[in-house]
Protein backbone atom coordinates (compact mmCIF):
# COMPACT_ATOMS: atom_id res chain seq x y z
CA MET A 1 0.00 0.00 0.00
CA ASN A 2 1.45 3.33 -1.01
CA LEU A 3 1.00 5.93 1.72
CA ILE A 4 0.40 8.90 -0.53
CA TRP A 5 -0.51 11.31 2.25
CA LEU A 6 3.13 11.42 3.45
CA GLY A 7 4.22 12.51 0.00
CA LYS A 8 7.72 13.92 -0.30
CA TYR A 9 8.11 13.80 3.51
CA ARG A 10 7.97 9.99 3.70
CA SER A 11 11.74 9.65 4.14
CA PHE A 12 11.81 12.36 6.80
CA PHE A 13 9.11 10.69 8.89
CA GLU A 14 10.54 7.23 8.37
CA ASN A 15 13.85 8.41 9.81
CA LEU A 16 12.14 10.33 12.61
CA PHE A 17 10.16 7.23 13.57
CA PHE A 18 13.28 5.07 13.35
CA TYR A 19 15.15 7.44 15.68
CA THR A 20 12.32 7.72 18.22
CA ASN A 21 11.78 3.96 18.25
CA VAL A 22 15.47 3.22 18.79
CA TYR A 23 15.69 5.96 21.42
CA GLY A 24 12.61 4.49 23.13
CA GLN A 25 14.37 1.13 23.38
CA ALA A 26 17.46 2.73 24.92
CA TYR A 27 15.57 5.19 27.15
CA THR A 28 15.49 3.04 30.29
CA LEU A 29 18.62 0.93 29.77
CA GLN A 30 20.97 1.35 32.71
CA GLY A 31 24.62 1.95 31.86
CA PHE A 32 24.02 2.68 28.18
CA HIS A 33 26.85 5.24 28.36
CA ASP A 34 30.19 4.65 30.01
CA THR A 35 29.68 6.44 33.32
CA SER A 36 31.02 5.44 36.73
CA VAL A 37 27.43 5.15 37.98
CA PRO A 38 25.15 3.31 35.54
CA CYS A 39 22.32 5.61 34.41
CA SER A 40 19.51 5.45 31.89
CA LEU A 41 19.00 8.09 29.22
CA ALA A 42 15.89 9.15 31.14
CA GLN A 43 18.01 9.78 34.23
CA ILE A 44 20.65 11.63 32.22
CA GLN A 45 17.94 13.88 30.76
CA VAL A 46 16.73 14.72 34.27
CA LEU A 47 20.28 15.43 35.41
CA GLU A 48 21.00 17.55 32.35
CA TYR A 49 17.88 19.66 32.78
CA ILE A 50 18.53 20.18 36.50
CA LEU A 51 22.11 21.26 35.84
CA GLU A 52 21.10 23.58 33.03
CA ASN A 53 18.37 25.26 35.10
CA GLU A 54 19.67 24.94 38.65
CA GLU A 55 19.41 28.67 39.41
CA LYS A 56 15.65 28.54 38.74
CA ASN A 57 14.94 26.24 41.73
CA GLN A 58 12.01 24.64 39.91
CA LYS A 59 9.59 22.29 41.60
CA MET A 60 9.69 18.64 40.55
CA SER A 61 6.35 18.96 38.72
CA GLU A 62 7.70 21.88 36.67
CA VAL A 63 10.76 19.90 35.63
CA ALA A 64 8.65 16.87 34.66
CA LYS A 65 6.36 19.04 32.55
CA ARG A 66 9.28 20.70 30.76
CA LEU A 67 10.81 17.31 29.96
CA GLY A 68 7.46 15.98 28.70
CA ILE A 69 7.33 13.06 31.12
CA SER A 70 4.63 12.15 33.59
CA PRO A 71 5.07 13.26 37.20
CA SER A 72 5.07 9.61 38.31
CA ALA A 73 7.82 8.61 35.83
CA PHE A 74 9.79 11.66 36.90
CA SER A 75 9.41 10.76 40.58
CA LYS A 76 10.55 7.19 39.91
CA ASN A 77 13.67 8.47 38.15
CA VAL A 78 14.38 10.94 40.95
CA LYS A 79 14.01 8.15 43.53
CA LYS A 80 16.47 5.93 41.65
CA MET A 81 18.86 8.84 41.21
CA MET A 82 18.67 9.67 44.93
CA GLU A 83 19.57 6.04 45.69
CA LYS A 84 22.61 6.47 43.43
CA ASN A 85 23.53 9.73 45.21
CA LEU A 86 23.23 11.71 41.97
CA LEU A 87 20.67 14.18 43.33
CA GLU A 88 19.94 16.05 46.53
CA LYS A 89 16.48 17.17 47.67
CA TYR A 90 15.68 20.52 49.24
CA ARG A 91 12.56 22.21 50.59
CA CYS A 92 11.86 25.91 50.43
CA ALA A 93 12.09 27.52 53.85
CA ASN A 94 8.73 29.25 53.36
CA ASN A 95 6.95 26.28 51.72
CA GLN A 96 7.46 22.75 53.07
CA LYS A 97 5.37 21.21 50.28
CA ASP A 98 7.52 22.09 47.27
CA ILE A 99 10.58 19.92 46.71
CA ILE A 100 13.53 21.25 44.76
CA ILE A 101 16.14 18.84 43.44
CA LYS A 102 19.75 19.67 42.73
CA ALA A 103 22.61 17.66 41.25
CA SER A 104 25.03 16.32 43.83
CA PRO A 105 28.79 16.53 43.25
CA LEU A 106 28.66 12.89 42.08
CA GLY A 107 25.77 13.77 39.74
CA ARG A 108 27.88 16.54 38.20
CA LYS A 109 30.79 14.13 37.73
CA VAL A 110 28.58 11.46 36.12
CA TYR A 111 27.07 14.02 33.77
CA GLN A 112 30.56 15.11 32.64
CA GLU A 113 31.44 11.45 32.01
CA TYR A 114 28.28 11.09 29.93
CA VAL A 115 29.08 14.19 27.86
CA SER A 116 32.62 12.98 27.23
CA SER A 117 31.40 9.55 26.17
CA LEU A 118 28.62 10.86 23.97
CA TRP A 119 30.48 13.72 22.30
CA LYS A 120 32.77 11.51 20.21
CA ARG A 121 30.21 8.78 19.69
CA ARG A 122 27.31 10.88 18.43
CA PHE A 123 27.19 14.62 18.93
CA GLU A 124 30.45 15.69 17.30
CA HIS A 125 29.20 14.38 13.95
CA THR A 126 25.62 15.55 14.57
CA PHE A 127 26.76 19.09 15.36
CA ALA A 128 28.98 19.11 12.26
CA MET A 129 25.96 18.20 10.13
CA LEU A 130 23.84 20.86 11.83
CA ASP A 131 26.57 23.42 11.16
CA GLU A 132 25.93 22.85 7.44
CA ILE A 133 22.33 24.01 7.81
CA PRO A 134 21.34 27.67 8.15
CA GLU A 135 20.34 28.51 11.75
CA GLU A 136 16.79 29.46 10.78
CA TYR A 137 16.29 25.99 9.28
CA VAL A 138 17.55 24.33 12.45
CA ALA A 139 15.16 26.55 14.44
CA LYS A 140 12.28 25.55 12.13
CA PHE A 141 13.11 21.87 12.53
CA ALA A 142 13.14 22.30 16.32
CA GLU A 143 9.74 24.01 16.03
CA ILE A 144 8.41 21.05 14.00
CA LEU A 145 9.61 18.57 16.61
CA LYS A 146 8.12 20.60 19.46
CA PHE A 147 4.78 21.01 17.66
CA ASN A 148 4.55 17.25 17.08
CA ALA A 149 5.46 16.47 20.70
CA GLU A 150 2.94 18.97 22.07
CA THR A 151 0.10 17.75 19.87
CA MET A 152 0.87 14.15 20.83
CA LEU A 153 0.81 15.11 24.53
CA GLU A 154 -2.47 16.91 23.97
CA GLN A 155 -3.96 13.83 22.33
CA MET A 156 -2.74 11.57 25.17
CA ASN A 157 -4.23 13.94 27.75
CA GLU A 158 -7.57 13.97 25.91
CA ARG A 159 -7.68 10.19 26.05
CA GLN A 160 -6.93 10.13 29.77
CA GLU A 161 -9.57 12.71 30.73
CA PRO A 162 -13.16 11.49 30.80
CA PRO A 163 -15.50 13.38 28.48
CA GLU A 164 -17.20 16.40 30.04
CA THR A 165 -20.63 14.75 29.84
CA ALA A 166 -19.46 11.65 31.72
CA ARG A 167 -18.07 13.79 34.54
CA GLN A 168 -21.30 15.74 34.90
CA SER A 169 -23.69 12.79 34.71
CA LYS A 170 -22.54 11.16 37.96
CA PRO A 171 -23.56 12.97 41.13
CA ILE A 172 -20.82 13.43 43.68
CA GLU A 173 -21.36 11.51 46.88
CA LEU A 174 -19.84 12.91 50.03
CA VAL A 175 -18.85 10.79 53.01
CA LYS A 176 -18.39 12.49 56.35
CA ILE A 177 -15.05 12.00 58.01
CA GLU A 178 -15.36 11.46 61.73
């Protein structure tokens, strides 16, 4: 069957799907990169974002949202990373509810090991190819990726939320707490 609707972009989407599928397989593998503490790509992403934005003191829910992962998946990664001593948890003095996570000295070291390992293996060549493309095209490609991710998240959220009519049709029953 010829998928006409993809038209001249068939090769682009085939390669995008190939990349995301391979990345999905590697996403949770521990020790995929040669670091002194075995980490998954998911954990490295968390570490990278925290290091890049550490002055913002963002709540865990804000970091999860920015990374496009569920709060529960984010919490699981943070828990595993705490067990590996890669992260440290803090509370705001004026708000005991909000938890702020920071990279520990070991987390910083492991991230540097990851960057060193990955630079030669993948990003040196990737950056060289990107350097051949005008910046506005790279920006447009990033916009395309973000748009597709956001619309996919939107669709997933729609499927998880019950329709408005279903929510309204059931009366709320209250039970007194004694």
